[in-house]
N, C-alpha and C. Protein backbone atom coordinates (compact mmCIF):
# COMPACT_ATOMS: atom_id res chain seq x y z
N MET A 1 209.09 -11.31 135.64
CA MET A 1 209.86 -12.52 135.48
C MET A 1 209.73 -12.99 134.02
N ASN A 2 210.87 -13.33 133.37
CA ASN A 2 210.77 -13.81 132.00
C ASN A 2 210.23 -15.24 131.97
N THR A 3 209.83 -15.69 130.79
CA THR A 3 209.18 -17.00 130.72
C THR A 3 210.12 -18.13 131.08
N SER A 4 211.42 -18.00 130.79
CA SER A 4 212.36 -19.05 131.19
C SER A 4 212.36 -19.26 132.69
N LYS A 5 212.41 -18.15 133.43
CA LYS A 5 212.42 -18.23 134.90
C LYS A 5 211.09 -18.78 135.42
N GLU A 6 209.98 -18.38 134.80
CA GLU A 6 208.67 -18.90 135.21
C GLU A 6 208.59 -20.41 135.00
N ILE A 7 209.08 -20.86 133.85
CA ILE A 7 209.04 -22.29 133.55
C ILE A 7 209.93 -23.05 134.53
N GLU A 8 211.15 -22.53 134.75
CA GLU A 8 212.09 -23.19 135.65
C GLU A 8 211.57 -23.29 137.09
N SER A 9 210.84 -22.29 137.53
CA SER A 9 210.41 -22.28 138.92
C SER A 9 209.05 -22.95 139.14
N CYS A 10 208.34 -23.27 138.09
CA CYS A 10 207.01 -23.87 138.21
C CYS A 10 207.11 -25.31 138.69
N LYS A 11 206.26 -25.67 139.63
CA LYS A 11 206.21 -27.05 140.14
C LYS A 11 204.76 -27.55 140.16
N LEU A 12 203.86 -26.88 139.45
CA LEU A 12 202.45 -27.25 139.47
C LEU A 12 202.18 -28.67 138.95
N CYS A 13 202.96 -29.10 137.98
CA CYS A 13 202.73 -30.43 137.39
C CYS A 13 203.82 -31.42 137.76
N GLY A 14 204.76 -31.02 138.58
CA GLY A 14 205.87 -31.90 138.93
C GLY A 14 207.18 -31.26 138.54
N GLU A 15 208.23 -32.05 138.51
CA GLU A 15 209.55 -31.53 138.16
C GLU A 15 209.65 -31.33 136.66
N LEU A 16 210.35 -30.28 136.29
CA LEU A 16 210.53 -29.97 134.88
C LEU A 16 211.86 -30.52 134.37
N PRO A 17 211.91 -30.85 133.07
CA PRO A 17 213.17 -31.28 132.48
C PRO A 17 214.09 -30.09 132.22
N LYS A 18 215.31 -30.39 131.79
CA LYS A 18 216.21 -29.33 131.35
C LYS A 18 215.52 -28.60 130.20
N LEU A 19 215.54 -27.28 130.22
CA LEU A 19 214.78 -26.50 129.24
C LEU A 19 215.66 -25.78 128.25
N ILE A 20 215.11 -25.53 127.08
CA ILE A 20 215.76 -24.62 126.17
C ILE A 20 215.28 -23.22 126.52
N GLU A 21 215.97 -22.21 126.06
CA GLU A 21 215.62 -20.83 126.40
C GLU A 21 214.17 -20.53 126.08
N ASN A 22 213.43 -20.14 127.07
CA ASN A 22 212.03 -19.74 126.95
C ASN A 22 211.11 -20.82 126.38
N ASN A 23 211.60 -22.03 126.15
CA ASN A 23 210.79 -23.13 125.65
C ASN A 23 210.08 -22.75 124.35
N ILE A 24 210.77 -22.02 123.49
CA ILE A 24 210.20 -21.65 122.20
C ILE A 24 211.31 -21.63 121.16
N GLN A 25 211.01 -22.18 119.98
CA GLN A 25 211.95 -22.09 118.86
C GLN A 25 211.54 -20.88 118.05
N ILE A 26 212.48 -20.00 117.80
CA ILE A 26 212.22 -18.79 117.03
C ILE A 26 212.40 -19.11 115.56
N GLY A 27 211.47 -18.64 114.75
CA GLY A 27 211.50 -18.93 113.33
C GLY A 27 211.39 -17.68 112.48
N THR A 28 211.16 -17.91 111.19
CA THR A 28 211.06 -16.82 110.24
C THR A 28 209.73 -16.85 109.48
N VAL A 29 208.90 -17.85 109.72
CA VAL A 29 207.63 -17.98 109.00
C VAL A 29 206.54 -17.17 109.70
N PRO A 30 205.44 -16.88 109.03
CA PRO A 30 204.39 -16.03 109.63
C PRO A 30 203.38 -16.78 110.49
N PHE A 31 203.78 -17.92 111.05
CA PHE A 31 202.88 -18.66 111.92
C PHE A 31 203.68 -19.39 112.98
N VAL A 32 202.98 -19.80 114.03
CA VAL A 32 203.59 -20.57 115.11
C VAL A 32 202.82 -21.88 115.23
N VAL A 33 203.57 -22.96 115.46
CA VAL A 33 202.97 -24.27 115.68
C VAL A 33 203.05 -24.56 117.18
N ILE A 34 201.92 -24.95 117.76
CA ILE A 34 201.89 -25.28 119.18
C ILE A 34 201.55 -26.75 119.35
N GLY A 35 202.50 -27.49 119.92
CA GLY A 35 202.30 -28.91 120.20
C GLY A 35 201.69 -29.10 121.58
N GLU A 36 201.62 -30.36 122.00
CA GLU A 36 201.01 -30.67 123.29
C GLU A 36 202.00 -30.57 124.44
N SER A 37 203.08 -31.36 124.40
CA SER A 37 204.10 -31.32 125.44
C SER A 37 205.40 -31.90 124.89
N PRO A 38 206.54 -31.55 125.50
CA PRO A 38 207.82 -32.05 124.99
C PRO A 38 207.94 -33.57 125.08
N ALA A 39 208.58 -34.14 124.08
CA ALA A 39 208.91 -35.56 124.11
C ALA A 39 210.21 -35.74 124.89
N LYS A 40 210.35 -36.89 125.53
CA LYS A 40 211.56 -37.15 126.32
C LYS A 40 212.84 -37.01 125.51
N ASP A 41 212.80 -37.45 124.26
CA ASP A 41 214.01 -37.44 123.43
C ASP A 41 213.97 -36.34 122.38
N GLY A 42 213.18 -35.31 122.63
CA GLY A 42 212.96 -34.29 121.62
C GLY A 42 213.80 -33.05 121.76
N TRP A 43 213.21 -31.94 121.44
CA TRP A 43 213.94 -30.70 121.26
C TRP A 43 214.47 -30.07 122.53
N ILE A 44 213.98 -30.48 123.68
CA ILE A 44 214.56 -29.95 124.92
C ILE A 44 216.02 -30.39 125.01
N GLU A 45 216.29 -31.59 124.49
CA GLU A 45 217.67 -32.08 124.45
C GLU A 45 218.43 -31.60 123.21
N SER A 46 217.78 -31.63 122.05
CA SER A 46 218.45 -31.31 120.78
C SER A 46 218.55 -29.82 120.50
N LYS A 47 217.66 -29.01 121.12
CA LYS A 47 217.57 -27.56 120.92
C LYS A 47 216.96 -27.19 119.57
N LYS A 48 216.44 -28.18 118.83
CA LYS A 48 215.79 -27.93 117.54
C LYS A 48 214.47 -28.70 117.53
N ALA A 49 213.38 -28.01 117.24
CA ALA A 49 212.06 -28.65 117.24
C ALA A 49 212.02 -29.82 116.27
N PHE A 50 211.51 -30.94 116.76
CA PHE A 50 211.29 -32.17 116.01
C PHE A 50 212.56 -32.92 115.63
N TYR A 51 213.70 -32.54 116.20
CA TYR A 51 214.95 -33.25 115.96
C TYR A 51 215.38 -33.95 117.24
N ASN A 52 216.05 -35.11 117.08
CA ASN A 52 216.62 -35.78 118.25
C ASN A 52 218.06 -35.31 118.44
N THR A 53 218.70 -35.82 119.47
CA THR A 53 220.05 -35.35 119.82
C THR A 53 221.09 -35.76 118.78
N LYS A 54 220.78 -36.73 117.93
CA LYS A 54 221.71 -37.13 116.86
C LYS A 54 221.55 -36.25 115.62
N GLY A 55 220.63 -35.29 115.69
CA GLY A 55 220.42 -34.39 114.56
C GLY A 55 219.46 -34.94 113.51
N ASN A 56 218.78 -36.02 113.84
CA ASN A 56 217.83 -36.61 112.90
C ASN A 56 216.42 -36.09 113.15
N LEU A 57 215.72 -35.84 112.07
CA LEU A 57 214.33 -35.42 112.15
C LEU A 57 213.50 -36.60 112.64
N GLN A 58 212.74 -36.39 113.72
CA GLN A 58 211.91 -37.46 114.27
C GLN A 58 210.71 -37.72 113.37
N ALA A 59 210.05 -38.85 113.57
CA ALA A 59 208.95 -39.28 112.70
C ALA A 59 207.84 -38.23 112.60
N THR A 60 207.44 -37.65 113.72
CA THR A 60 206.41 -36.60 113.71
C THR A 60 206.89 -35.41 112.90
N GLY A 61 208.14 -35.07 113.03
CA GLY A 61 208.72 -33.97 112.27
C GLY A 61 208.79 -34.25 110.78
N ARG A 62 209.04 -35.49 110.41
CA ARG A 62 209.09 -35.83 108.98
C ARG A 62 207.73 -35.60 108.31
N VAL A 63 206.66 -35.96 109.01
CA VAL A 63 205.32 -35.73 108.46
C VAL A 63 205.05 -34.22 108.36
N LEU A 64 205.37 -33.49 109.43
CA LEU A 64 205.17 -32.03 109.42
C LEU A 64 206.04 -31.37 108.34
N GLU A 65 207.27 -31.81 108.19
CA GLU A 65 208.16 -31.25 107.17
C GLU A 65 207.57 -31.43 105.77
N LYS A 66 207.01 -32.60 105.51
CA LYS A 66 206.39 -32.85 104.20
C LYS A 66 205.22 -31.89 103.96
N LEU A 67 204.41 -31.69 104.98
CA LEU A 67 203.27 -30.76 104.86
C LEU A 67 203.76 -29.33 104.64
N LEU A 68 204.78 -28.93 105.38
CA LEU A 68 205.34 -27.59 105.23
C LEU A 68 205.97 -27.40 103.85
N ASN A 69 206.70 -28.41 103.39
CA ASN A 69 207.31 -28.33 102.06
C ASN A 69 206.26 -28.16 100.97
N ASN A 70 205.09 -28.78 101.15
CA ASN A 70 204.01 -28.66 100.17
C ASN A 70 203.59 -27.21 99.95
N ILE A 71 203.80 -26.36 100.97
CA ILE A 71 203.38 -24.96 100.83
C ILE A 71 204.58 -23.99 100.87
N GLY A 72 205.77 -24.54 100.65
CA GLY A 72 206.95 -23.70 100.49
C GLY A 72 207.71 -23.33 101.75
N PHE A 73 207.52 -24.08 102.84
CA PHE A 73 208.23 -23.80 104.08
C PHE A 73 209.01 -25.03 104.55
N SER A 74 209.80 -24.84 105.58
CA SER A 74 210.59 -25.93 106.16
C SER A 74 210.44 -25.91 107.68
N ILE A 75 210.57 -27.07 108.27
CA ILE A 75 210.42 -27.20 109.72
C ILE A 75 211.48 -26.40 110.47
N LYS A 76 212.64 -26.23 109.89
CA LYS A 76 213.71 -25.48 110.57
C LYS A 76 213.40 -24.00 110.68
N ASP A 77 212.39 -23.53 109.93
CA ASP A 77 212.05 -22.11 109.91
C ASP A 77 210.82 -21.75 110.74
N ILE A 78 210.22 -22.73 111.43
CA ILE A 78 208.97 -22.45 112.14
C ILE A 78 209.22 -21.94 113.55
N TYR A 79 208.28 -21.13 114.01
CA TYR A 79 208.16 -20.84 115.44
C TYR A 79 207.47 -22.06 116.02
N PHE A 80 207.95 -22.52 117.17
CA PHE A 80 207.35 -23.71 117.78
C PHE A 80 207.46 -23.66 119.29
N THR A 81 206.40 -24.08 119.94
CA THR A 81 206.41 -24.29 121.38
C THR A 81 205.33 -25.30 121.70
N GLU A 82 205.24 -25.67 122.95
CA GLU A 82 204.18 -26.57 123.39
C GLU A 82 203.25 -25.87 124.36
N CYS A 83 202.06 -26.41 124.43
CA CYS A 83 201.07 -25.93 125.39
C CYS A 83 201.56 -26.23 126.81
N CYS A 84 202.00 -27.46 127.03
CA CYS A 84 202.58 -27.87 128.33
C CYS A 84 204.09 -27.70 128.24
N LYS A 85 204.68 -27.18 129.26
CA LYS A 85 206.10 -26.87 129.23
C LYS A 85 206.98 -27.99 129.79
N CYS A 86 206.39 -28.99 130.41
CA CYS A 86 207.18 -30.09 130.94
C CYS A 86 206.77 -31.40 130.27
N ILE A 87 207.62 -32.40 130.41
CA ILE A 87 207.33 -33.71 129.85
C ILE A 87 206.20 -34.32 130.68
N ILE A 88 205.15 -34.73 130.02
CA ILE A 88 203.98 -35.29 130.70
C ILE A 88 204.04 -36.81 130.56
N GLU A 89 204.22 -37.48 131.67
CA GLU A 89 204.30 -38.94 131.67
C GLU A 89 202.94 -39.58 131.44
N ASP A 90 201.91 -39.01 132.02
CA ASP A 90 200.56 -39.55 131.95
C ASP A 90 199.69 -38.61 131.11
N ARG A 91 199.30 -39.05 129.92
CA ARG A 91 198.52 -38.19 129.01
C ARG A 91 197.22 -37.71 129.64
N LYS A 92 196.74 -38.37 130.66
CA LYS A 92 195.53 -37.92 131.35
C LYS A 92 195.76 -36.58 132.05
N GLN A 93 197.02 -36.20 132.24
CA GLN A 93 197.37 -34.95 132.91
C GLN A 93 197.48 -33.77 131.94
N LEU A 94 197.38 -34.02 130.64
CA LEU A 94 197.56 -32.94 129.66
C LEU A 94 196.58 -31.79 129.85
N LYS A 95 195.34 -32.08 130.15
CA LYS A 95 194.36 -31.00 130.33
C LYS A 95 194.75 -30.11 131.50
N LYS A 96 195.07 -30.72 132.64
CA LYS A 96 195.46 -29.97 133.83
C LYS A 96 196.74 -29.17 133.58
N CYS A 97 197.71 -29.82 132.97
CA CYS A 97 198.99 -29.15 132.72
C CYS A 97 198.85 -28.04 131.67
N SER A 98 198.00 -28.24 130.68
CA SER A 98 197.73 -27.18 129.69
C SER A 98 197.18 -25.94 130.39
N HIS A 99 196.27 -26.17 131.31
CA HIS A 99 195.69 -25.06 132.09
C HIS A 99 196.77 -24.38 132.92
N ASN A 100 197.60 -25.17 133.59
CA ASN A 100 198.66 -24.60 134.43
C ASN A 100 199.66 -23.76 133.64
N CYS A 101 199.95 -24.17 132.42
CA CYS A 101 200.96 -23.49 131.60
C CYS A 101 200.40 -22.35 130.75
N MET A 102 199.08 -22.18 130.74
CA MET A 102 198.47 -21.18 129.86
C MET A 102 199.02 -19.77 130.04
N PRO A 103 199.25 -19.27 131.26
CA PRO A 103 199.80 -17.91 131.39
C PRO A 103 201.16 -17.76 130.69
N ILE A 104 201.98 -18.77 130.77
CA ILE A 104 203.29 -18.71 130.13
C ILE A 104 203.14 -18.75 128.61
N LEU A 105 202.29 -19.64 128.10
CA LEU A 105 202.06 -19.74 126.67
C LEU A 105 201.54 -18.41 126.10
N LEU A 106 200.62 -17.79 126.81
CA LEU A 106 200.07 -16.51 126.33
C LEU A 106 201.15 -15.43 126.27
N LYS A 107 202.04 -15.40 127.24
CA LYS A 107 203.16 -14.44 127.21
C LYS A 107 204.06 -14.72 126.02
N GLN A 108 204.33 -16.00 125.76
CA GLN A 108 205.18 -16.34 124.63
C GLN A 108 204.55 -15.87 123.32
N LEU A 109 203.26 -16.12 123.17
CA LEU A 109 202.58 -15.74 121.94
C LEU A 109 202.56 -14.23 121.73
N LYS A 110 202.42 -13.48 122.83
CA LYS A 110 202.41 -12.02 122.73
C LYS A 110 203.76 -11.48 122.26
N ASN A 111 204.82 -12.24 122.48
CA ASN A 111 206.17 -11.76 122.18
C ASN A 111 206.73 -12.24 120.85
N ILE A 112 205.92 -12.89 120.03
CA ILE A 112 206.39 -13.28 118.70
C ILE A 112 205.61 -12.51 117.65
N PRO A 113 206.20 -12.29 116.48
CA PRO A 113 205.55 -11.45 115.47
C PRO A 113 204.50 -12.16 114.61
N CYS A 114 204.11 -13.35 114.97
CA CYS A 114 203.12 -14.11 114.19
C CYS A 114 201.72 -13.88 114.74
N ASN A 115 200.76 -13.85 113.85
CA ASN A 115 199.38 -13.80 114.33
C ASN A 115 198.54 -14.94 113.76
N ILE A 116 199.22 -15.96 113.28
CA ILE A 116 198.57 -17.20 112.85
C ILE A 116 199.10 -18.32 113.75
N ILE A 117 198.18 -19.05 114.37
CA ILE A 117 198.54 -20.11 115.30
C ILE A 117 198.01 -21.44 114.77
N LEU A 118 198.89 -22.42 114.62
CA LEU A 118 198.47 -23.79 114.30
C LEU A 118 198.55 -24.59 115.58
N THR A 119 197.43 -25.14 116.01
CA THR A 119 197.44 -25.99 117.20
C THR A 119 197.46 -27.44 116.75
N MET A 120 198.43 -28.18 117.25
CA MET A 120 198.63 -29.56 116.87
C MET A 120 198.04 -30.48 117.93
N GLY A 121 196.77 -30.77 117.78
CA GLY A 121 196.12 -31.68 118.71
C GLY A 121 195.07 -31.01 119.58
N LEU A 122 194.36 -31.86 120.30
CA LEU A 122 193.23 -31.44 121.13
C LEU A 122 193.61 -30.45 122.22
N HIS A 123 194.62 -30.75 123.00
CA HIS A 123 194.89 -29.98 124.21
C HIS A 123 195.30 -28.53 123.97
N PRO A 124 196.19 -28.23 123.04
CA PRO A 124 196.46 -26.81 122.81
C PRO A 124 195.26 -26.07 122.22
N THR A 125 194.48 -26.76 121.40
CA THR A 125 193.29 -26.13 120.82
C THR A 125 192.28 -25.81 121.90
N GLN A 126 192.00 -26.78 122.72
CA GLN A 126 191.04 -26.64 123.81
C GLN A 126 191.48 -25.55 124.79
N ALA A 127 192.77 -25.54 125.13
CA ALA A 127 193.28 -24.58 126.10
C ALA A 127 193.20 -23.15 125.56
N LEU A 128 193.61 -22.94 124.32
CA LEU A 128 193.60 -21.58 123.77
C LEU A 128 192.18 -21.07 123.52
N LEU A 129 191.29 -21.94 123.08
CA LEU A 129 189.91 -21.52 122.86
C LEU A 129 189.12 -21.42 124.17
N GLY A 130 189.65 -22.03 125.22
CA GLY A 130 189.00 -21.98 126.52
C GLY A 130 187.68 -22.73 126.57
N ILE A 131 187.61 -23.84 125.83
CA ILE A 131 186.38 -24.63 125.78
C ILE A 131 186.70 -26.11 125.92
N LYS A 132 185.70 -26.87 126.26
CA LYS A 132 185.81 -28.33 126.30
C LYS A 132 185.41 -28.83 124.92
N ILE A 133 186.29 -29.59 124.28
CA ILE A 133 186.03 -30.13 122.95
C ILE A 133 185.71 -31.61 123.08
N ASN A 134 184.54 -31.99 122.65
CA ASN A 134 184.15 -33.40 122.71
C ASN A 134 184.62 -34.18 121.49
N ARG A 135 184.61 -33.54 120.34
CA ARG A 135 185.02 -34.22 119.10
C ARG A 135 185.97 -33.29 118.35
N TYR A 136 187.26 -33.59 118.42
CA TYR A 136 188.28 -32.74 117.84
C TYR A 136 188.08 -32.56 116.33
N ALA A 137 187.61 -33.58 115.65
CA ALA A 137 187.41 -33.50 114.20
C ALA A 137 186.46 -32.37 113.82
N ASP A 138 185.58 -31.96 114.73
CA ASP A 138 184.66 -30.86 114.44
C ASP A 138 185.37 -29.50 114.42
N TYR A 139 186.60 -29.43 114.91
CA TYR A 139 187.35 -28.18 115.01
C TYR A 139 188.52 -28.11 114.03
N VAL A 140 189.05 -29.26 113.66
CA VAL A 140 190.23 -29.30 112.81
C VAL A 140 189.95 -28.65 111.46
N GLY A 141 190.87 -27.79 111.04
CA GLY A 141 190.77 -27.15 109.74
C GLY A 141 189.87 -25.94 109.69
N LYS A 142 189.20 -25.64 110.79
CA LYS A 142 188.33 -24.46 110.84
C LYS A 142 189.12 -23.29 111.41
N ILE A 143 188.74 -22.10 110.99
CA ILE A 143 189.43 -20.89 111.44
C ILE A 143 188.68 -20.30 112.63
N PHE A 144 189.44 -19.97 113.66
CA PHE A 144 188.88 -19.35 114.86
C PHE A 144 189.61 -18.05 115.13
N ASP A 145 188.84 -17.02 115.46
CA ASP A 145 189.43 -15.76 115.89
C ASP A 145 189.79 -15.89 117.36
N PHE A 146 190.92 -15.34 117.72
CA PHE A 146 191.45 -15.50 119.06
C PHE A 146 192.21 -14.22 119.38
N ALA A 147 192.16 -13.77 120.61
CA ALA A 147 192.88 -12.54 120.99
C ALA A 147 193.59 -12.72 122.33
N ILE A 148 194.74 -12.09 122.43
CA ILE A 148 195.46 -11.97 123.69
C ILE A 148 195.61 -10.48 123.91
N ASP A 149 195.00 -9.99 124.99
CA ASP A 149 194.89 -8.55 125.20
C ASP A 149 194.24 -7.96 123.96
N ASN A 150 194.91 -7.07 123.26
CA ASN A 150 194.31 -6.48 122.06
C ASN A 150 194.90 -7.02 120.77
N LYS A 151 195.82 -7.97 120.87
CA LYS A 151 196.42 -8.55 119.67
C LYS A 151 195.53 -9.68 119.16
N LYS A 152 195.15 -9.60 117.88
CA LYS A 152 194.26 -10.60 117.29
C LYS A 152 195.05 -11.67 116.56
N TYR A 153 194.54 -12.89 116.66
CA TYR A 153 195.17 -14.05 116.03
C TYR A 153 194.13 -14.84 115.26
N ILE A 154 194.63 -15.62 114.32
CA ILE A 154 193.83 -16.63 113.64
C ILE A 154 194.34 -17.96 114.17
N LEU A 155 193.44 -18.77 114.69
CA LEU A 155 193.81 -20.08 115.22
C LEU A 155 193.28 -21.14 114.25
N LEU A 156 194.17 -22.03 113.81
CA LEU A 156 193.83 -23.08 112.87
C LEU A 156 194.28 -24.42 113.44
N PRO A 157 193.35 -25.21 113.97
CA PRO A 157 193.72 -26.53 114.49
C PRO A 157 194.08 -27.50 113.36
N ILE A 158 195.13 -28.30 113.59
CA ILE A 158 195.52 -29.33 112.64
C ILE A 158 195.55 -30.68 113.36
N TYR A 159 195.52 -31.75 112.59
CA TYR A 159 195.70 -33.07 113.18
C TYR A 159 197.15 -33.21 113.59
N HIS A 160 197.40 -33.90 114.69
CA HIS A 160 198.76 -34.15 115.13
C HIS A 160 199.47 -34.94 114.04
N THR A 161 200.72 -34.60 113.79
CA THR A 161 201.45 -35.23 112.69
C THR A 161 202.21 -36.49 113.09
N SER A 162 201.87 -37.05 114.23
CA SER A 162 202.47 -38.31 114.64
C SER A 162 202.19 -39.37 113.57
N PRO A 163 203.18 -40.19 113.24
CA PRO A 163 202.93 -41.26 112.27
C PRO A 163 201.93 -42.30 112.80
N LEU A 164 201.66 -42.28 114.09
CA LEU A 164 200.65 -43.17 114.66
C LEU A 164 199.24 -42.68 114.35
N ASN A 165 199.13 -41.42 113.94
CA ASN A 165 197.83 -40.84 113.62
C ASN A 165 197.58 -41.03 112.12
N PRO A 166 196.62 -41.86 111.75
CA PRO A 166 196.37 -42.10 110.32
C PRO A 166 195.87 -40.86 109.57
N LEU A 167 195.45 -39.84 110.29
CA LEU A 167 194.96 -38.60 109.67
C LEU A 167 196.06 -37.54 109.56
N GLY A 168 197.21 -37.80 110.17
CA GLY A 168 198.26 -36.80 110.33
C GLY A 168 198.79 -36.19 109.06
N TYR A 169 198.85 -36.93 107.98
CA TYR A 169 199.29 -36.35 106.72
C TYR A 169 198.11 -36.08 105.80
N LYS A 170 197.42 -37.12 105.44
CA LYS A 170 196.37 -37.03 104.41
C LYS A 170 195.32 -35.96 104.73
N MET A 171 194.83 -35.92 105.94
CA MET A 171 193.78 -34.97 106.30
C MET A 171 194.32 -33.56 106.56
N ASN A 172 195.63 -33.44 106.77
CA ASN A 172 196.24 -32.12 106.98
C ASN A 172 196.58 -31.42 105.66
N VAL A 173 196.68 -32.15 104.56
CA VAL A 173 197.04 -31.54 103.28
C VAL A 173 196.10 -30.37 102.93
N PRO A 174 194.76 -30.57 102.94
CA PRO A 174 193.90 -29.42 102.63
C PRO A 174 193.97 -28.31 103.68
N ILE A 175 194.28 -28.65 104.91
CA ILE A 175 194.41 -27.63 105.95
C ILE A 175 195.64 -26.76 105.68
N PHE A 176 196.72 -27.38 105.25
CA PHE A 176 197.92 -26.61 104.92
C PHE A 176 197.72 -25.78 103.65
N ASP A 177 196.92 -26.27 102.73
CA ASP A 177 196.55 -25.44 101.57
C ASP A 177 195.77 -24.20 102.05
N LYS A 178 194.88 -24.41 103.01
CA LYS A 178 194.13 -23.29 103.60
C LYS A 178 195.09 -22.33 104.31
N LEU A 179 196.07 -22.88 105.02
CA LEU A 179 197.08 -22.05 105.69
C LEU A 179 197.81 -21.17 104.68
N LYS A 180 198.17 -21.73 103.54
CA LYS A 180 198.86 -20.96 102.50
C LYS A 180 198.00 -19.78 102.04
N GLN A 181 196.70 -20.01 101.89
CA GLN A 181 195.78 -18.93 101.50
C GLN A 181 195.67 -17.88 102.60
N ILE A 182 195.59 -18.34 103.84
CA ILE A 182 195.51 -17.40 104.97
C ILE A 182 196.73 -16.50 104.99
N ILE A 183 197.90 -17.11 104.83
CA ILE A 183 199.16 -16.34 104.86
C ILE A 183 199.17 -15.28 103.77
N SER A 184 198.67 -15.62 102.59
CA SER A 184 198.68 -14.65 101.49
C SER A 184 197.70 -13.50 101.72
N ASN A 185 196.73 -13.71 102.62
CA ASN A 185 195.70 -12.67 102.86
C ASN A 185 195.85 -11.94 104.18
N VAL A 186 196.81 -12.34 105.01
CA VAL A 186 196.94 -11.77 106.36
C VAL A 186 198.30 -11.09 106.49
N GLU A 187 198.27 -9.91 107.04
CA GLU A 187 199.52 -9.19 107.34
C GLU A 187 199.96 -9.56 108.74
N CYS A 188 201.17 -10.08 108.87
CA CYS A 188 201.69 -10.42 110.19
C CYS A 188 202.19 -9.15 110.87
N VAL A 189 201.99 -9.13 112.20
CA VAL A 189 202.38 -7.95 112.96
C VAL A 189 203.52 -8.27 113.91
């Protein structure tokens, strides 16, 4: 079963919203950004990550775009998906839903040519590393080796780029500088 069908038929966390194909934006950059869960007014409706249905870049996307521009990339060129595949009304459910969606996320990651993963926030980082994180700041900006089957990845947690997060831009600048160095030293497969 392809990931679109798996996502459409899943009812573990409740009803799913209308989905874009495979719940992943295909890009051209050598990394993938993994968010927490779709926003109600986000890319599931617009079909473009971080854009609303009017074609405007959302606030979280504007911060991410600025960070990407600093290292020579654009948000329109990124691979993007979320850890949770459905809209989560209650943030307390993110851990459970991240766990439920993990098999689908792993299949998605195996099928893209990137081996650098940026996790945006606690839940995708915790889910992919398979650990309980008590203090996210202890993980942000550090490099973790990660594998799916025999394919090796570099996982780099970043602060969520929500404008509500005071660390979203300022503290991510050195992490994106590190990302630029990683890209120059890693061959994507």
